[in-house]
Amino acid sequence: MENSNSPSKFTRFDRHEIYCDDMQSLNMALTWKTSGSVRNKMFGLFDGYLYTDLKDEKYLQENGCSFETIQKIKVLIMHIERKLNIDKTKVLSEINGDGWGLKVLEETINEVSK
């Protein structure tokens, strides 16, 4: 469900239906690598709020996220959107293209599990 009545646009989703344990671990690890409004929006994912700002690379850069953190946030969101079937064509092309998204998710999950 898209909300366009507030300054921060978001899509609502049921995290319990979308997240696997690995996605939850990745979300938590990334949340602690961020600060300020980005951290609040990362915590929002746990409550089922996918804020549009989290898909904005410029916003993430301006709020102090490293290149690596931005890439991993993009992968997490890509998997959320894939499960929600949002922007299905774009998400599938990113996942199926060269396997980059799946490789980064797998590497990130392995890092978090150590």
C-alpha atoms as a PDB file:
ATOM      1  CA  MET A   1       0.000   0.000   0.000  1.00  0.00           C
ATOM      2  CA  GLU A   2       1.573   3.293  -1.150  1.00  0.00           C
ATOM      3  CA  ASN A   3       1.184   6.351   1.077  1.00  0.00           C
ATOM      4  CA  SER A   4       1.465   9.656  -0.750  1.00  0.00           C
ATOM      5  CA  ASN A   5      -0.091  11.926   1.896  1.00  0.00           C
ATOM      6  CA  SER A   6       3.051  12.384   3.995  1.00  0.00           C
ATOM      7  CA  PRO A   7       6.380  14.089   3.263  1.00  0.00           C
ATOM      8  CA  SER A   8       8.142  10.705   3.470  1.00  0.00           C
ATOM      9  CA  LYS A   9       6.543   8.322   1.008  1.00  0.00           C
ATOM     10  CA  PHE A  10       6.508   4.671   1.911  1.00  0.00           C
ATOM     11  CA  THR A  11       5.049   1.310   1.022  1.00  0.00           C
ATOM     12  CA  ARG A  12       3.546  -0.821   3.776  1.00  0.00           C
ATOM     13  CA  PHE A  13       4.307  -4.543   3.858  1.00  0.00           C
ATOM     14  CA  ASP A  14       4.080  -7.459   6.263  1.00  0.00           C
ATOM     15  CA  ARG A  15       7.656  -8.115   7.363  1.00  0.00           C
ATOM     16  CA  HIS A  16       6.677 -11.510   8.757  1.00  0.00           C
ATOM     17  CA  GLU A  17       5.562 -12.607   5.286  1.00  0.00           C
ATOM     18  CA  ILE A  18       8.493 -11.013   3.442  1.00  0.00           C
ATOM     19  CA  TYR A  19      11.574 -11.504   5.617  1.00  0.00           C
ATOM     20  CA  CYS A  20      13.530 -14.688   6.134  1.00  0.00           C
ATOM     21  CA  ASP A  21      15.983 -14.893   9.052  1.00  0.00           C
ATOM     22  CA  ASP A  22      18.873 -13.863   6.813  1.00  0.00           C
ATOM     23  CA  MET A  23      17.062 -10.744   5.614  1.00  0.00           C
ATOM     24  CA  GLN A  24      16.287  -9.790   9.205  1.00  0.00           C
ATOM     25  CA  SER A  25      19.962 -10.223  10.166  1.00  0.00           C
ATOM     26  CA  LEU A  26      21.061  -8.175   7.175  1.00  0.00           C
ATOM     27  CA  ASN A  27      18.549  -5.421   8.013  1.00  0.00           C
ATOM     28  CA  MET A  28      19.847  -5.226  11.598  1.00  0.00           C
ATOM     29  CA  ALA A  29      23.506  -5.187  10.538  1.00  0.00           C
ATOM     30  CA  LEU A  30      22.829  -2.406   8.029  1.00  0.00           C
ATOM     31  CA  THR A  31      20.734  -0.446  10.523  1.00  0.00           C
ATOM     32  CA  TRP A  32      23.728  -0.193  12.875  1.00  0.00           C
ATOM     33  CA  LYS A  33      25.960   0.993   9.998  1.00  0.00           C
ATOM     34  CA  THR A  34      23.689   4.010   9.466  1.00  0.00           C
ATOM     35  CA  SER A  35      22.650   6.987  11.564  1.00  0.00           C
ATOM     36  CA  GLY A  36      19.996   9.687  11.864  1.00  0.00           C
ATOM     37  CA  SER A  37      17.041   9.584   9.506  1.00  0.00           C
ATOM     38  CA  VAL A  38      18.492   6.682   7.517  1.00  0.00           C
ATOM     39  CA  ARG A  39      18.740   4.582  10.689  1.00  0.00           C
ATOM     40  CA  ASN A  40      15.146   5.475  11.595  1.00  0.00           C
ATOM     41  CA  LYS A  41      13.974   4.376   8.141  1.00  0.00           C
ATOM     42  CA  MET A  42      16.013   1.164   8.396  1.00  0.00           C
ATOM     43  CA  PHE A  43      14.282   0.445  11.713  1.00  0.00           C
ATOM     44  CA  GLY A  44      11.014   1.223   9.903  1.00  0.00           C
ATOM     45  CA  LEU A  45      11.604  -1.819   7.699  1.00  0.00           C
ATOM     46  CA  PHE A  46      11.147  -3.978  10.802  1.00  0.00           C
ATOM     47  CA  ASP A  47       7.707  -2.398  11.233  1.00  0.00           C
ATOM     48  CA  GLY A  48       6.798  -2.953   7.590  1.00  0.00           C
ATOM     49  CA  TYR A  49       7.538   0.535   6.218  1.00  0.00           C
ATOM     50  CA  LEU A  50       9.631   0.653   3.037  1.00  0.00           C
ATOM     51  CA  TYR A  51      10.516   4.343   2.721  1.00  0.00           C
ATOM     52  CA  THR A  52      11.130   5.604  -0.797  1.00  0.00           C
ATOM     53  CA  ASP A  53      14.173   7.547   0.456  1.00  0.00           C
ATOM     54  CA  LEU A  54      15.988   4.273   1.101  1.00  0.00           C
ATOM     55  CA  LYS A  55      16.016   3.719  -2.673  1.00  0.00           C
ATOM     56  CA  ASP A  56      17.607   7.138  -3.307  1.00  0.00           C
ATOM     57  CA  GLU A  57      21.377   6.750  -3.564  1.00  0.00           C
ATOM     58  CA  LYS A  58      21.940  10.517  -3.341  1.00  0.00           C
ATOM     59  CA  TYR A  59      19.878  10.703  -0.121  1.00  0.00           C
ATOM     60  CA  LEU A  60      21.888   7.834   1.369  1.00  0.00           C
ATOM     61  CA  GLN A  61      25.214   9.452   0.394  1.00  0.00           C
ATOM     62  CA  GLU A  62      24.170  12.823   1.800  1.00  0.00           C
ATOM     63  CA  ASN A  63      23.330  11.094   5.079  1.00  0.00           C
ATOM     64  CA  GLY A  64      26.765   9.526   5.484  1.00  0.00           C
ATOM     65  CA  CYS A  65      26.283   6.002   4.128  1.00  0.00           C
ATOM     66  CA  SER A  66      29.380   4.377   2.655  1.00  0.00           C
ATOM     67  CA  PHE A  67      29.340   2.984  -0.881  1.00  0.00           C
ATOM     68  CA  GLU A  68      29.352  -0.572   0.519  1.00  0.00           C
ATOM     69  CA  THR A  69      26.426   0.137   2.859  1.00  0.00           C
ATOM     70  CA  ILE A  70      24.436   1.759   0.044  1.00  0.00           C
ATOM     71  CA  GLN A  71      24.981  -1.269  -2.188  1.00  0.00           C
ATOM     72  CA  LYS A  72      23.833  -3.644   0.546  1.00  0.00           C
ATOM     73  CA  ILE A  73      20.759  -1.513   1.324  1.00  0.00           C
ATOM     74  CA  LYS A  74      19.910  -1.636  -2.381  1.00  0.00           C
ATOM     75  CA  VAL A  75      20.203  -5.438  -2.361  1.00  0.00           C
ATOM     76  CA  LEU A  76      17.972  -5.750   0.727  1.00  0.00           C
ATOM     77  CA  ILE A  77      15.351  -3.497  -0.837  1.00  0.00           C
ATOM     78  CA  MET A  78      15.630  -5.351  -4.127  1.00  0.00           C
ATOM     79  CA  HIS A  79      14.709  -8.575  -2.339  1.00  0.00           C
ATOM     80  CA  ILE A  80      11.834  -6.923  -0.462  1.00  0.00           C
ATOM     81  CA  GLU A  81      10.474  -5.513  -3.714  1.00  0.00           C
ATOM     82  CA  ARG A  82      10.906  -8.829  -5.470  1.00  0.00           C
ATOM     83  CA  LYS A  83       8.730 -10.467  -2.856  1.00  0.00           C
ATOM     84  CA  LEU A  84       6.221  -7.621  -3.088  1.00  0.00           C
ATOM     85  CA  ASN A  85       6.321  -7.704  -6.916  1.00  0.00           C
ATOM     86  CA  ILE A  86       6.977  -3.956  -6.975  1.00  0.00           C
ATOM     87  CA  ASP A  87       8.709  -2.818 -10.152  1.00  0.00           C
ATOM     88  CA  LYS A  88       8.954  -6.506 -11.061  1.00  0.00           C
ATOM     89  CA  THR A  89      10.667  -6.056 -14.422  1.00  0.00           C
ATOM     90  CA  LYS A  90      13.461  -3.878 -13.022  1.00  0.00           C
ATOM     91  CA  VAL A  91      14.033  -6.091  -9.991  1.00  0.00           C
ATOM     92  CA  LEU A  92      14.132  -9.293 -12.032  1.00  0.00           C
ATOM     93  CA  SER A  93      16.558  -7.820 -14.535  1.00  0.00           C
ATOM     94  CA  GLU A  94      18.865  -6.724 -11.700  1.00  0.00           C
ATOM     95  CA  ILE A  95      18.694 -10.140 -10.044  1.00  0.00           C
ATOM     96  CA  ASN A  96      18.948 -12.214 -13.217  1.00  0.00           C
ATOM     97  CA  GLY A  97      21.317  -9.952 -15.123  1.00  0.00           C
ATOM     98  CA  ASP A  98      24.733 -11.007 -13.872  1.00  0.00           C
ATOM     99  CA  GLY A  99      23.716 -12.437 -10.508  1.00  0.00           C
ATOM    100  CA  TRP A 100      25.272  -9.439  -8.758  1.00  0.00           C
ATOM    101  CA  GLY A 101      22.341  -8.875  -6.376  1.00  0.00           C
ATOM    102  CA  LEU A 102      22.179 -12.479  -5.252  1.00  0.00           C
ATOM    103  CA  LYS A 103      25.965 -12.649  -4.873  1.00  0.00           C
ATOM    104  CA  VAL A 104      26.063  -9.522  -2.689  1.00  0.00           C
ATOM    105  CA  LEU A 105      23.173 -10.786  -0.549  1.00  0.00           C
ATOM    106  CA  GLU A 106      24.924 -14.126  -0.066  1.00  0.00           C
ATOM    107  CA  GLU A 107      28.259 -12.454   0.790  1.00  0.00           C
ATOM    108  CA  THR A 108      26.542 -10.063   3.194  1.00  0.00           C
ATOM    109  CA  ILE A 109      24.667 -12.882   4.921  1.00  0.00           C
ATOM    110  CA  ASN A 110      27.968 -14.757   5.308  1.00  0.00           C
ATOM    111  CA  GLU A 111      29.617 -11.649   6.847  1.00  0.00           C
ATOM    112  CA  VAL A 112      26.736 -11.122   9.286  1.00  0.00           C
ATOM    113  CA  SER A 113      26.806 -14.804  10.290  1.00  0.00           C
ATOM    114  CA  LYS A 114      30.499 -14.690  11.343  1.00  0.00           C
END
